[in-house]
Amino acid sequence: MGPTVTAKTVLPELPAALAEVALCDIRTAIAPGNASPSWWLDGVRRTLEGDLRHDEVPFPQPVIRRPRFTRWRVSDVARFWREFTERHTCDALVIGQAKKASAAARAKREAEREAQQAGA
């Protein structure tokens, strides 16, 4: 039986030399951003096809791509999340969501206004 891992267990840092060659799966790659696998894979595909917006961070490409066994370098994934958080602050995300909600509310009001005018 292996050692018991508790909340007080301190795991050693990954040595720098190992971090450059260590590989991770998709669950580990998306965990820092609490992202969905489909979002991650879509970003990887769009990066490969060169279909990113000008403000998007390029997603790391897998070093091993086989059915049910796709792996990314840990160092590439860490670099992606650092750049992603630098470019996408919470304020920018909230502003984007607010603009989208405002546009939807405006469109709804205009549709209601047009319906009232057509019925009058």
PDB file of N, CA and C in Angstrom:
ATOM      1  N   MET A   1       0.832  -1.177   0.000  1.00  0.00           N
ATOM      2  CA  MET A   1       0.000   0.000   0.000  1.00  0.00           C
ATOM      3  C   MET A   1       0.879   1.243   0.000  1.00  0.00           C
ATOM      4  N   GLY A   2       0.510   2.276  -0.789  1.00  0.00           N
ATOM      5  CA  GLY A   2       1.295   3.505  -0.919  1.00  0.00           C
ATOM      6  C   GLY A   2       1.070   4.444   0.248  1.00  0.00           C
ATOM      7  N   PRO A   3       1.808   5.531   0.278  1.00  0.00           N
ATOM      8  CA  PRO A   3       1.664   6.499   1.352  1.00  0.00           C
ATOM      9  C   PRO A   3       0.310   7.200   1.286  1.00  0.00           C
ATOM     10  N   THR A   4      -0.186   7.613   2.420  1.00  0.00           N
ATOM     11  CA  THR A   4      -1.445   8.320   2.502  1.00  0.00           C
ATOM     12  C   THR A   4      -1.207   9.799   2.225  1.00  0.00           C
ATOM     13  N   VAL A   5      -2.003  10.373   1.358  1.00  0.00           N
ATOM     14  CA  VAL A   5      -1.887  11.786   1.032  1.00  0.00           C
ATOM     15  C   VAL A   5      -2.982  12.528   1.776  1.00  0.00           C
ATOM     16  N   THR A   6      -2.602  13.489   2.582  1.00  0.00           N
ATOM     17  CA  THR A   6      -3.567  14.301   3.322  1.00  0.00           C
ATOM     18  C   THR A   6      -3.392  15.749   2.922  1.00  0.00           C
ATOM     19  N   ALA A   7      -4.242  16.606   3.459  1.00  0.00           N
ATOM     20  CA  ALA A   7      -4.170  18.032   3.149  1.00  0.00           C
ATOM     21  C   ALA A   7      -2.854  18.630   3.623  1.00  0.00           C
ATOM     22  N   LYS A   8      -2.231  18.041   4.625  1.00  0.00           N
ATOM     23  CA  LYS A   8      -0.983  18.569   5.158  1.00  0.00           C
ATOM     24  C   LYS A   8       0.244  18.015   4.439  1.00  0.00           C
ATOM     25  N   THR A   9       0.032  17.070   3.528  1.00  0.00           N
ATOM     26  CA  THR A   9       1.145  16.496   2.791  1.00  0.00           C
ATOM     27  C   THR A   9       1.727  17.554   1.859  1.00  0.00           C
ATOM     28  N   VAL A  10       3.019  17.749   1.931  1.00  0.00           N
ATOM     29  CA  VAL A  10       3.682  18.710   1.060  1.00  0.00           C
ATOM     30  C   VAL A  10       4.414  17.926  -0.018  1.00  0.00           C
ATOM     31  N   LEU A  11       4.023  18.176  -1.251  1.00  0.00           N
ATOM     32  CA  LEU A  11       4.664  17.494  -2.358  1.00  0.00           C
ATOM     33  C   LEU A  11       5.836  18.336  -2.845  1.00  0.00           C
ATOM     34  N   PRO A  12       6.945  17.702  -3.165  1.00  0.00           N
ATOM     35  CA  PRO A  12       8.092  18.467  -3.650  1.00  0.00           C
ATOM     36  C   PRO A  12       7.813  19.074  -5.016  1.00  0.00           C
ATOM     37  N   GLU A  13       8.463  20.188  -5.314  1.00  0.00           N
ATOM     38  CA  GLU A  13       8.311  20.823  -6.618  1.00  0.00           C
ATOM     39  C   GLU A  13       8.933  19.938  -7.689  1.00  0.00           C
ATOM     40  N   LEU A  14       8.398  20.061  -8.879  1.00  0.00           N
ATOM     41  CA  LEU A  14       8.922  19.318 -10.008  1.00  0.00           C
ATOM     42  C   LEU A  14      10.265  19.937 -10.407  1.00  0.00           C
ATOM     43  N   PRO A  15      11.323  19.152 -10.457  1.00  0.00           N
ATOM     44  CA  PRO A  15      12.618  19.710 -10.863  1.00  0.00           C
ATOM     45  C   PRO A  15      12.531  20.341 -12.241  1.00  0.00           C
ATOM     46  N   ALA A  16      13.252  21.440 -12.459  1.00  0.00           N
ATOM     47  CA  ALA A  16      13.183  22.184 -13.717  1.00  0.00           C
ATOM     48  C   ALA A  16      13.514  21.297 -14.916  1.00  0.00           C
ATOM     49  N   ALA A  17      14.509  20.443 -14.781  1.00  0.00           N
ATOM     50  CA  ALA A  17      14.884  19.578 -15.897  1.00  0.00           C
ATOM     51  C   ALA A  17      13.754  18.613 -16.251  1.00  0.00           C
ATOM     52  N   LEU A  18      13.034  18.143 -15.260  1.00  0.00           N
ATOM     53  CA  LEU A  18      11.927  17.225 -15.497  1.00  0.00           C
ATOM     54  C   LEU A  18      10.718  17.969 -16.059  1.00  0.00           C
ATOM     55  N   ALA A  19      10.500  19.206 -15.628  1.00  0.00           N
ATOM     56  CA  ALA A  19       9.357  19.983 -16.090  1.00  0.00           C
ATOM     57  C   ALA A  19       9.396  20.210 -17.600  1.00  0.00           C
ATOM     58  N   GLU A  20      10.571  20.265 -18.174  1.00  0.00           N
ATOM     59  CA  GLU A  20      10.690  20.480 -19.615  1.00  0.00           C
ATOM     60  C   GLU A  20      10.278  19.256 -20.423  1.00  0.00           C
ATOM     61  N   VAL A  21      10.326  18.079 -19.833  1.00  0.00           N
ATOM     62  CA  VAL A  21       9.993  16.865 -20.586  1.00  0.00           C
ATOM     63  C   VAL A  21       8.759  16.142 -20.042  1.00  0.00           C
ATOM     64  N   ALA A  22       8.259  16.552 -18.878  1.00  0.00           N
ATOM     65  CA  ALA A  22       7.094  15.894 -18.277  1.00  0.00           C
ATOM     66  C   ALA A  22       5.862  16.122 -19.144  1.00  0.00           C
ATOM     67  N   LEU A  23       5.010  15.113 -19.251  1.00  0.00           N
ATOM     68  CA  LEU A  23       3.803  15.181 -20.063  1.00  0.00           C
ATOM     69  C   LEU A  23       2.564  15.083 -19.186  1.00  0.00           C
ATOM     70  N   CYS A  24       1.463  15.674 -19.667  1.00  0.00           N
ATOM     71  CA  CYS A  24       0.208  15.590 -18.923  1.00  0.00           C
ATOM     72  C   CYS A  24      -0.936  15.306 -19.883  1.00  0.00           C
ATOM     73  N   ASP A  25      -2.021  14.805 -19.330  1.00  0.00           N
ATOM     74  CA  ASP A  25      -3.201  14.517 -20.135  1.00  0.00           C
ATOM     75  C   ASP A  25      -4.111  15.740 -20.155  1.00  0.00           C
ATOM     76  N   ILE A  26      -5.246  15.624 -20.829  1.00  0.00           N
ATOM     77  CA  ILE A  26      -6.129  16.777 -20.983  1.00  0.00           C
ATOM     78  C   ILE A  26      -6.733  17.226 -19.654  1.00  0.00           C
ATOM     79  N   ARG A  27      -7.062  16.286 -18.779  1.00  0.00           N
ATOM     80  CA  ARG A  27      -7.642  16.666 -17.492  1.00  0.00           C
ATOM     81  C   ARG A  27      -6.685  17.525 -16.687  1.00  0.00           C
ATOM     82  N   THR A  28      -5.416  17.180 -16.727  1.00  0.00           N
ATOM     83  CA  THR A  28      -4.411  17.961 -16.014  1.00  0.00           C
ATOM     84  C   THR A  28      -4.192  19.301 -16.705  1.00  0.00           C
ATOM     85  N   ALA A  29      -4.236  19.315 -18.031  1.00  0.00           N
ATOM     86  CA  ALA A  29      -4.010  20.545 -18.781  1.00  0.00           C
ATOM     87  C   ALA A  29      -5.104  21.584 -18.548  1.00  0.00           C
ATOM     88  N   ILE A  30      -6.350  21.151 -18.390  1.00  0.00           N
ATOM     89  CA  ILE A  30      -7.457  22.098 -18.231  1.00  0.00           C
ATOM     90  C   ILE A  30      -7.732  22.466 -16.778  1.00  0.00           C
ATOM     91  N   ALA A  31      -7.179  21.712 -15.845  1.00  0.00           N
ATOM     92  CA  ALA A  31      -7.472  21.924 -14.429  1.00  0.00           C
ATOM     93  C   ALA A  31      -7.146  23.332 -13.927  1.00  0.00           C
ATOM     94  N   PRO A  32      -6.022  23.944 -14.282  1.00  0.00           N
ATOM     95  CA  PRO A  32      -5.727  25.272 -13.735  1.00  0.00           C
ATOM     96  C   PRO A  32      -6.765  26.323 -14.091  1.00  0.00           C
ATOM     97  N   GLY A  33      -7.409  26.195 -15.238  1.00  0.00           N
ATOM     98  CA  GLY A  33      -8.410  27.172 -15.653  1.00  0.00           C
ATOM     99  C   GLY A  33      -9.831  26.709 -15.469  1.00  0.00           C
ATOM    100  N   ASN A  34     -10.016  25.529 -14.874  1.00  0.00           N
ATOM    101  CA  ASN A  34     -11.344  24.954 -14.692  1.00  0.00           C
ATOM    102  C   ASN A  34     -12.113  24.988 -16.024  1.00  0.00           C
ATOM    103  N   ALA A  35     -11.426  24.613 -17.084  1.00  0.00           N
ATOM    104  CA  ALA A  35     -11.992  24.666 -18.425  1.00  0.00           C
ATOM    105  C   ALA A  35     -12.578  23.314 -18.811  1.00  0.00           C
ATOM    106  N   SER A  36     -13.336  23.338 -19.897  1.00  0.00           N
ATOM    107  CA  SER A  36     -13.908  22.077 -20.384  1.00  0.00           C
ATOM    108  C   SER A  36     -12.969  21.464 -21.422  1.00  0.00           C
ATOM    109  N   PRO A  37     -12.984  20.147 -21.538  1.00  0.00           N
ATOM    110  CA  PRO A  37     -12.153  19.503 -22.559  1.00  0.00           C
ATOM    111  C   PRO A  37     -12.487  19.972 -23.973  1.00  0.00           C
ATOM    112  N   SER A  38     -13.766  20.219 -24.253  1.00  0.00           N
ATOM    113  CA  SER A  38     -14.138  20.643 -25.603  1.00  0.00           C
ATOM    114  C   SER A  38     -13.576  22.035 -25.917  1.00  0.00           C
ATOM    115  N   TRP A  39     -13.566  22.954 -24.927  1.00  0.00           N
ATOM    116  CA  TRP A  39     -12.990  24.280 -25.128  1.00  0.00           C
ATOM    117  C   TRP A  39     -11.496  24.157 -25.433  1.00  0.00           C
ATOM    118  N   TRP A  40     -10.813  23.321 -24.663  1.00  0.00           N
ATOM    119  CA  TRP A  40      -9.371  23.132 -24.835  1.00  0.00           C
ATOM    120  C   TRP A  40      -9.067  22.555 -26.219  1.00  0.00           C
ATOM    121  N   LEU A  41      -9.766  21.485 -26.594  1.00  0.00           N
ATOM    122  CA  LEU A  41      -9.509  20.841 -27.880  1.00  0.00           C
ATOM    123  C   LEU A  41      -9.860  21.752 -29.056  1.00  0.00           C
ATOM    124  N   ASP A  42     -10.904  22.567 -28.891  1.00  0.00           N
ATOM    125  CA  ASP A  42     -11.253  23.529 -29.933  1.00  0.00           C
ATOM    126  C   ASP A  42     -10.135  24.558 -30.089  1.00  0.00           C
ATOM    127  N   GLY A  43      -9.580  25.024 -28.973  1.00  0.00           N
ATOM    128  CA  GLY A  43      -8.467  25.976 -29.037  1.00  0.00           C
ATOM    129  C   GLY A  43      -7.227  25.368 -29.668  1.00  0.00           C
ATOM    130  N   VAL A  44      -6.950  24.112 -29.354  1.00  0.00           N
ATOM    131  CA  VAL A  44      -5.807  23.415 -29.951  1.00  0.00           C
ATOM    132  C   VAL A  44      -6.015  23.297 -31.466  1.00  0.00           C
ATOM    133  N   ARG A  45      -7.224  22.951 -31.869  1.00  0.00           N
ATOM    134  CA  ARG A  45      -7.525  22.824 -33.299  1.00  0.00           C
ATOM    135  C   ARG A  45      -7.400  24.171 -34.009  1.00  0.00           C
ATOM    136  N   ARG A  46      -7.984  25.228 -33.419  1.00  0.00           N
ATOM    137  CA  ARG A  46      -7.924  26.545 -34.044  1.00  0.00           C
ATOM    138  C   ARG A  46      -6.490  27.063 -34.126  1.00  0.00           C
ATOM    139  N   THR A  47      -5.665  26.761 -33.122  1.00  0.00           N
ATOM    140  CA  THR A  47      -4.260  27.155 -33.170  1.00  0.00           C
ATOM    141  C   THR A  47      -3.558  26.447 -34.319  1.00  0.00           C
ATOM    142  N   LEU A  48      -3.806  25.160 -34.459  1.00  0.00           N
ATOM    143  CA  LEU A  48      -3.179  24.379 -35.520  1.00  0.00           C
ATOM    144  C   LEU A  48      -3.588  24.897 -36.898  1.00  0.00           C
ATOM    145  N   GLU A  49      -4.851  25.293 -37.043  1.00  0.00           N
ATOM    146  CA  GLU A  49      -5.357  25.786 -38.326  1.00  0.00           C
ATOM    147  C   GLU A  49      -5.048  27.263 -38.546  1.00  0.00           C
ATOM    148  N   GLY A  50      -4.503  27.938 -37.529  1.00  0.00           N
ATOM    149  CA  GLY A  50      -4.212  29.369 -37.652  1.00  0.00           C
ATOM    150  C   GLY A  50      -5.464  30.220 -37.616  1.00  0.00           C
ATOM    151  N   ASP A  51      -6.484  29.756 -36.934  1.00  0.00           N
ATOM    152  CA  ASP A  51      -7.788  30.404 -36.914  1.00  0.00           C
ATOM    153  C   ASP A  51      -8.047  31.148 -35.600  1.00  0.00           C
ATOM    154  N   LEU A  52      -7.005  31.654 -34.945  1.00  0.00           N
ATOM    155  CA  LEU A  52      -7.175  32.370 -33.688  1.00  0.00           C
ATOM    156  C   LEU A  52      -7.436  33.851 -33.938  1.00  0.00           C
ATOM    157  N   ARG A  53      -8.194  34.472 -33.032  1.00  0.00           N
ATOM    158  CA  ARG A  53      -8.353  35.918 -33.087  1.00  0.00           C
ATOM    159  C   ARG A  53      -7.025  36.565 -32.715  1.00  0.00           C
ATOM    160  N   HIS A  54      -6.877  37.827 -33.044  1.00  0.00           N
ATOM    161  CA  HIS A  54      -5.601  38.502 -32.799  1.00  0.00           C
ATOM    162  C   HIS A  54      -5.247  38.602 -31.316  1.00  0.00           C
ATOM    163  N   ASP A  55      -6.236  38.591 -30.439  1.00  0.00           N
ATOM    164  CA  ASP A  55      -5.964  38.742 -29.005  1.00  0.00           C
ATOM    165  C   ASP A  55      -5.893  37.414 -28.255  1.00  0.00           C
ATOM    166  N   GLU A  56      -6.043  36.298 -28.962  1.00  0.00           N
ATOM    167  CA  GLU A  56      -6.038  34.992 -28.303  1.00  0.00           C
ATOM    168  C   GLU A  56      -4.625  34.448 -28.124  1.00  0.00           C
ATOM    169  N   VAL A  57      -4.437  33.753 -27.022  1.00  0.00           N
ATOM    170  CA  VAL A  57      -3.169  33.084 -26.750  1.00  0.00           C
ATOM    171  C   VAL A  57      -3.171  31.759 -27.505  1.00  0.00           C
ATOM    172  N   PRO A  58      -2.098  31.455 -28.252  1.00  0.00           N
ATOM    173  CA  PRO A  58      -2.048  30.165 -28.950  1.00  0.00           C
ATOM    174  C   PRO A  58      -2.027  28.999 -27.960  1.00  0.00           C
ATOM    175  N   PHE A  59      -2.826  28.012 -28.212  1.00  0.00           N
ATOM    176  CA  PHE A  59      -2.873  26.836 -27.355  1.00  0.00           C
ATOM    177  C   PHE A  59      -1.674  25.948 -27.653  1.00  0.00           C
ATOM    178  N   PRO A  60      -1.154  25.262 -26.625  1.00  0.00           N
ATOM    179  CA  PRO A  60      -0.034  24.352 -26.882  1.00  0.00           C
ATOM    180  C   PRO A  60      -0.496  23.144 -27.698  1.00  0.00           C
ATOM    181  N   GLN A  61       0.370  22.693 -28.566  1.00  0.00           N
ATOM    182  CA  GLN A  61       0.061  21.530 -29.389  1.00  0.00           C
ATOM    183  C   GLN A  61       0.531  20.264 -28.676  1.00  0.00           C
ATOM    184  N   PRO A  62      -0.211  19.180 -28.802  1.00  0.00           N
ATOM    185  CA  PRO A  62       0.201  17.938 -28.146  1.00  0.00           C
ATOM    186  C   PRO A  62       1.483  17.388 -28.754  1.00  0.00           C
ATOM    187  N   VAL A  63       2.287  16.751 -27.916  1.00  0.00           N
ATOM    188  CA  VAL A  63       3.508  16.115 -28.409  1.00  0.00           C
ATOM    189  C   VAL A  63       3.244  14.653 -28.750  1.00  0.00           C
ATOM    190  N   ILE A  64       2.203  14.090 -28.162  1.00  0.00           N
ATOM    191  CA  ILE A  64       1.767  12.730 -28.493  1.00  0.00           C
ATOM    192  C   ILE A  64       0.275  12.808 -28.783  1.00  0.00           C
ATOM    193  N   ARG A  65      -0.128  12.342 -29.952  1.00  0.00           N
ATOM    194  CA  ARG A  65      -1.545  12.372 -30.303  1.00  0.00           C
ATOM    195  C   ARG A  65      -1.914  11.016 -30.866  1.00  0.00           C
ATOM    196  N   ARG A  66      -2.522  10.214 -30.013  1.00  0.00           N
ATOM    197  CA  ARG A  66      -3.001   8.890 -30.409  1.00  0.00           C
ATOM    198  C   ARG A  66      -4.408   8.736 -29.832  1.00  0.00           C
ATOM    199  N   PRO A  67      -5.194   7.833 -30.352  1.00  0.00           N
ATOM    200  CA  PRO A  67      -6.532   7.629 -29.793  1.00  0.00           C
ATOM    201  C   PRO A  67      -6.453   7.320 -28.293  1.00  0.00           C
ATOM    202  N   ARG A  68      -7.188   8.100 -27.502  1.00  0.00           N
ATOM    203  CA  ARG A  68      -7.274   7.945 -26.046  1.00  0.00           C
ATOM    204  C   ARG A  68      -5.931   8.126 -25.340  1.00  0.00           C
ATOM    205  N   PHE A  69      -4.949   8.747 -26.034  1.00  0.00           N
ATOM    206  CA  PHE A  69      -3.652   8.980 -25.403  1.00  0.00           C
ATOM    207  C   PHE A  69      -3.017  10.219 -26.027  1.00  0.00           C
ATOM    208  N   THR A  70      -3.534  11.385 -25.666  1.00  0.00           N
ATOM    209  CA  THR A  70      -2.985  12.647 -26.139  1.00  0.00           C
ATOM    210  C   THR A  70      -2.306  13.310 -24.955  1.00  0.00           C
ATOM    211  N   ARG A  71      -1.084  13.775 -25.169  1.00  0.00           N
ATOM    212  CA  ARG A  71      -0.312  14.367 -24.076  1.00  0.00           C
ATOM    213  C   ARG A  71       0.338  15.671 -24.518  1.00  0.00           C
ATOM    214  N   TRP A  72       0.416  16.619 -23.541  1.00  0.00           N
ATOM    215  CA  TRP A  72       1.057  17.909 -23.738  1.00  0.00           C
ATOM    216  C   TRP A  72       2.226  18.033 -22.779  1.00  0.00           C
ATOM    217  N   ARG A  73       3.220  18.850 -23.136  1.00  0.00           N
ATOM    218  CA  ARG A  73       4.318  19.140 -22.215  1.00  0.00           C
ATOM    219  C   ARG A  73       3.780  20.013 -21.086  1.00  0.00           C
ATOM    220  N   VAL A  74       4.131  19.665 -19.863  1.00  0.00           N
ATOM    221  CA  VAL A  74       3.697  20.431 -18.701  1.00  0.00           C
ATOM    222  C   VAL A  74       4.184  21.873 -18.818  1.00  0.00           C
ATOM    223  N   SER A  75       5.412  22.064 -19.287  1.00  0.00           N
ATOM    224  CA  SER A  75       5.956  23.422 -19.405  1.00  0.00           C
ATOM    225  C   SER A  75       5.161  24.254 -20.414  1.00  0.00           C
ATOM    226  N   ASP A  76       4.703  23.645 -21.515  1.00  0.00           N
ATOM    227  CA  ASP A  76       3.903  24.367 -22.509  1.00  0.00           C
ATOM    228  C   ASP A  76       2.538  24.750 -21.946  1.00  0.00           C
ATOM    229  N   VAL A  77       1.937  23.829 -21.198  1.00  0.00           N
ATOM    230  CA  VAL A  77       0.628  24.091 -20.599  1.00  0.00           C
ATOM    231  C   VAL A  77       0.746  25.209 -19.559  1.00  0.00           C
ATOM    232  N   ALA A  78       1.779  25.155 -18.732  1.00  0.00           N
ATOM    233  CA  ALA A  78       1.981  26.196 -17.714  1.00  0.00           C
ATOM    234  C   ALA A  78       2.203  27.553 -18.369  1.00  0.00           C
ATOM    235  N   ARG A  79       2.973  27.585 -19.438  1.00  0.00           N
ATOM    236  CA  ARG A  79       3.227  28.835 -20.165  1.00  0.00           C
ATOM    237  C   ARG A  79       1.916  29.376 -20.736  1.00  0.00           C
ATOM    238  N   PHE A  80       1.079  28.483 -21.297  1.00  0.00           N
ATOM    239  CA  PHE A  80      -0.210  28.908 -21.851  1.00  0.00           C
ATOM    240  C   PHE A  80      -1.063  29.575 -20.774  1.00  0.00           C
ATOM    241  N   TRP A  81      -1.204  28.925 -19.615  1.00  0.00           N
ATOM    242  CA  TRP A  81      -2.073  29.471 -18.574  1.00  0.00           C
ATOM    243  C   TRP A  81      -1.532  30.788 -18.013  1.00  0.00           C
ATOM    244  N   ARG A  82      -0.206  30.926 -17.942  1.00  0.00           N
ATOM    245  CA  ARG A  82       0.364  32.215 -17.494  1.00  0.00           C
ATOM    246  C   ARG A  82      -0.009  33.321 -18.473  1.00  0.00           C
ATOM    247  N   GLU A  83       0.189  33.073 -19.771  1.00  0.00           N
ATOM    248  CA  GLU A  83      -0.142  34.079 -20.781  1.00  0.00           C
ATOM    249  C   GLU A  83      -1.644  34.339 -20.831  1.00  0.00           C
ATOM    250  N   PHE A  84      -2.432  33.290 -20.700  1.00  0.00           N
ATOM    251  CA  PHE A  84      -3.885  33.433 -20.746  1.00  0.00           C
ATOM    252  C   PHE A  84      -4.376  34.331 -19.612  1.00  0.00           C
ATOM    253  N   THR A  85      -3.878  34.115 -18.395  1.00  0.00           N
ATOM    254  CA  THR A  85      -4.329  34.920 -17.259  1.00  0.00           C
ATOM    255  C   THR A  85      -3.821  36.356 -17.354  1.00  0.00           C
ATOM    256  N   GLU A  86      -2.655  36.555 -17.971  1.00  0.00           N
ATOM    257  CA  GLU A  86      -2.171  37.917 -18.154  1.00  0.00           C
ATOM    258  C   GLU A  86      -3.050  38.692 -19.127  1.00  0.00           C
ATOM    259  N   ARG A  87      -3.518  38.025 -20.172  1.00  0.00           N
ATOM    260  CA  ARG A  87      -4.328  38.700 -21.195  1.00  0.00           C
ATOM    261  C   ARG A  87      -5.802  38.795 -20.840  1.00  0.00           C
ATOM    262  N   HIS A  88      -6.296  37.842 -20.078  1.00  0.00           N
ATOM    263  CA  HIS A  88      -7.732  37.793 -19.782  1.00  0.00           C
ATOM    264  C   HIS A  88      -7.965  37.989 -18.294  1.00  0.00           C
ATOM    265  N   THR A  89      -7.945  39.215 -17.873  1.00  0.00           N
ATOM    266  CA  THR A  89      -8.238  39.487 -16.474  1.00  0.00           C
ATOM    267  C   THR A  89      -9.728  39.339 -16.242  1.00  0.00           C
ATOM    268  N   CYS A  90     -10.097  39.232 -14.995  1.00  0.00           N
ATOM    269  CA  CYS A  90     -11.519  39.083 -14.661  1.00  0.00           C
ATOM    270  C   CYS A  90     -12.317  40.278 -15.159  1.00  0.00           C
ATOM    271  N   ASP A  91     -11.735  41.480 -15.078  1.00  0.00           N
ATOM    272  CA  ASP A  91     -12.449  42.672 -15.525  1.00  0.00           C
ATOM    273  C   ASP A  91     -12.831  42.567 -16.996  1.00  0.00           C
ATOM    274  N   ALA A  92     -11.908  42.098 -17.818  1.00  0.00           N
ATOM    275  CA  ALA A  92     -12.183  41.987 -19.251  1.00  0.00           C
ATOM    276  C   ALA A  92     -13.299  40.979 -19.504  1.00  0.00           C
ATOM    277  N   LEU A  93     -13.305  39.874 -18.775  1.00  0.00           N
ATOM    278  CA  LEU A  93     -14.355  38.872 -18.962  1.00  0.00           C
ATOM    279  C   LEU A  93     -15.715  39.411 -18.534  1.00  0.00           C
ATOM    280  N   VAL A  94     -15.755  40.120 -17.417  1.00  0.00           N
ATOM    281  CA  VAL A  94     -17.011  40.685 -16.923  1.00  0.00           C
ATOM    282  C   VAL A  94     -17.535  41.734 -17.896  1.00  0.00           C
ATOM    283  N   ILE A  95     -16.640  42.576 -18.413  1.00  0.00           N
ATOM    284  CA  ILE A  95     -17.054  43.599 -19.378  1.00  0.00           C
ATOM    285  C   ILE A  95     -17.616  42.948 -20.629  1.00  0.00           C
ATOM    286  N   GLY A  96     -16.970  41.895 -21.125  1.00  0.00           N
ATOM    287  CA  GLY A  96     -17.463  41.192 -22.307  1.00  0.00           C
ATOM    288  C   GLY A  96     -18.841  40.586 -22.083  1.00  0.00           C
ATOM    289  N   GLN A  97     -19.035  39.973 -20.915  1.00  0.00           N
ATOM    290  CA  GLN A  97     -20.329  39.376 -20.608  1.00  0.00           C
ATOM    291  C   GLN A  97     -21.402  40.456 -20.467  1.00  0.00           C
ATOM    292  N   ALA A  98     -21.046  41.590 -19.871  1.00  0.00           N
ATOM    293  CA  ALA A  98     -22.006  42.683 -19.696  1.00  0.00           C
ATOM    294  C   ALA A  98     -22.418  43.262 -21.051  1.00  0.00           C
ATOM    295  N   LYS A  99     -21.456  43.423 -21.954  1.00  0.00           N
ATOM    296  CA  LYS A  99     -21.780  43.941 -23.287  1.00  0.00           C
ATOM    297  C   LYS A  99     -22.710  42.996 -24.031  1.00  0.00           C
ATOM    298  N   LYS A 100     -22.464  41.710 -23.907  1.00  0.00           N
ATOM    299  CA  LYS A 100     -23.302  40.707 -24.578  1.00  0.00           C
ATOM    300  C   LYS A 100     -24.726  40.744 -24.007  1.00  0.00           C
ATOM    301  N   ALA A 101     -24.840  40.843 -22.691  1.00  0.00           N
ATOM    302  CA  ALA A 101     -26.162  40.895 -22.054  1.00  0.00           C
ATOM    303  C   ALA A 101     -26.897  42.181 -22.433  1.00  0.00           C
ATOM    304  N   SER A 102     -26.179  43.300 -22.500  1.00  0.00           N
ATOM    305  CA  SER A 102     -26.802  44.565 -22.886  1.00  0.00           C
ATOM    306  C   SER A 102     -27.326  44.509 -24.311  1.00  0.00           C
ATOM    307  N   ALA A 103     -26.544  43.943 -25.205  1.00  0.00           N
ATOM    308  CA  ALA A 103     -26.975  43.841 -26.600  1.00  0.00           C
ATOM    309  C   ALA A 103     -28.211  42.955 -26.719  1.00  0.00           C
ATOM    310  N   ALA A 104     -28.250  41.871 -25.956  1.00  0.00           N
ATOM    311  CA  ALA A 104     -29.414  40.983 -26.001  1.00  0.00           C
ATOM    312  C   ALA A 104     -30.652  41.685 -25.458  1.00  0.00           C
ATOM    313  N   ALA A 105     -30.499  42.449 -24.372  1.00  0.00           N
ATOM    314  CA  ALA A 105     -31.629  43.175 -23.791  1.00  0.00           C
ATOM    315  C   ALA A 105     -32.119  44.251 -24.752  1.00  0.00           C
ATOM    316  N   ARG A 106     -31.194  44.940 -25.413  1.00  0.00           N
ATOM    317  CA  ARG A 106     -31.552  45.982 -26.376  1.00  0.00           C
ATOM    318  C   ARG A 106     -32.326  45.371 -27.547  1.00  0.00           C
ATOM    319  N   ALA A 107     -31.866  44.240 -28.050  1.00  0.00           N
ATOM    320  CA  ALA A 107     -32.548  43.573 -29.158  1.00  0.00           C
ATOM    321  C   ALA A 107     -33.951  43.132 -28.746  1.00  0.00           C
ATOM    322  N   LYS A 108     -34.093  42.657 -27.516  1.00  0.00           N
ATOM    323  CA  LYS A 108     -35.404  42.225 -27.028  1.00  0.00           C
ATOM    324  C   LYS A 108     -36.353  43.415 -26.926  1.00  0.00           C
ATOM    325  N   ARG A 109     -35.851  44.553 -26.396  1.00  0.00           N
ATOM    326  CA  ARG A 109     -36.703  45.741 -26.287  1.00  0.00           C
ATOM    327  C   ARG A 109     -37.142  46.232 -27.657  1.00  0.00           C
ATOM    328  N   GLU A 110     -36.224  46.230 -28.619  1.00  0.00           N
ATOM    329  CA  GLU A 110     -36.562  46.681 -29.972  1.00  0.00           C
ATOM    330  C   GLU A 110     -37.595  45.763 -30.610  1.00  0.00           C
ATOM    331  N   ALA A 111     -37.463  44.451 -30.393  1.00  0.00           N
ATOM    332  CA  ALA A 111     -38.433  43.497 -30.940  1.00  0.00           C
ATOM    333  C   ALA A 111     -39.804  43.719 -30.312  1.00  0.00           C
ATOM    334  N   GLU A 112     -39.843  43.973 -29.006  1.00  0.00           N
ATOM    335  CA  GLU A 112     -41.126  44.234 -28.328  1.00  0.00           C
ATOM    336  C   GLU A 112     -41.742  45.526 -28.838  1.00  0.00           C
ATOM    337  N   ARG A 113     -40.924  46.547 -29.039  1.00  0.00           N
ATOM    338  CA  ARG A 113     -41.404  47.835 -29.531  1.00  0.00           C
ATOM    339  C   ARG A 113     -41.998  47.677 -30.933  1.00  0.00           C
ATOM    340  N   GLU A 114     -41.309  46.921 -31.796  1.00  0.00           N
ATOM    341  CA  GLU A 114     -41.799  46.693 -33.140  1.00  0.00           C
ATOM    342  C   GLU A 114     -43.105  45.900 -33.134  1.00  0.00           C
ATOM    343  N   ALA A 115     -43.213  44.947 -32.227  1.00  0.00           N
ATOM    344  CA  ALA A 115     -44.440  44.153 -32.119  1.00  0.00           C
ATOM    345  C   ALA A 115     -45.606  45.023 -31.659  1.00  0.00           C
ATOM    346  N   GLN A 116     -45.338  45.956 -30.738  1.00  0.00           N
ATOM    347  CA  GLN A 116     -46.389  46.860 -30.268  1.00  0.00           C
ATOM    348  C   GLN A 116     -46.838  47.797 -31.386  1.00  0.00           C
ATOM    349  N   GLN A 117     -45.877  48.299 -32.150  1.00  0.00           N
ATOM    350  CA  GLN A 117     -46.219  49.210 -33.247  1.00  0.00           C
ATOM    351  C   GLN A 117     -46.986  48.496 -34.356  1.00  0.00           C
ATOM    352  N   ALA A 118     -46.649  47.243 -34.590  1.00  0.00           N
ATOM    353  CA  ALA A 118     -47.356  46.468 -35.629  1.00  0.00           C
ATOM    354  C   ALA A 118     -48.781  46.154 -35.186  1.00  0.00           C
ATOM    355  N   GLY A 119     -48.966  45.955 -33.870  1.00  0.00           N
ATOM    356  CA  GLY A 119     -50.288  45.620 -33.351  1.00  0.00           C
ATOM    357  C   GLY A 119     -51.171  46.836 -33.146  1.00  0.00           C
ATOM    358  N   ALA A 120     -50.601  48.026 -33.136  1.00  0.00           N
ATOM    359  CA  ALA A 120     -51.389  49.237 -32.875  1.00  0.00           C
ATOM    360  C   ALA A 120     -52.062  49.795 -34.072  1.00  0.00           C
TER     361      ALA A 120
END
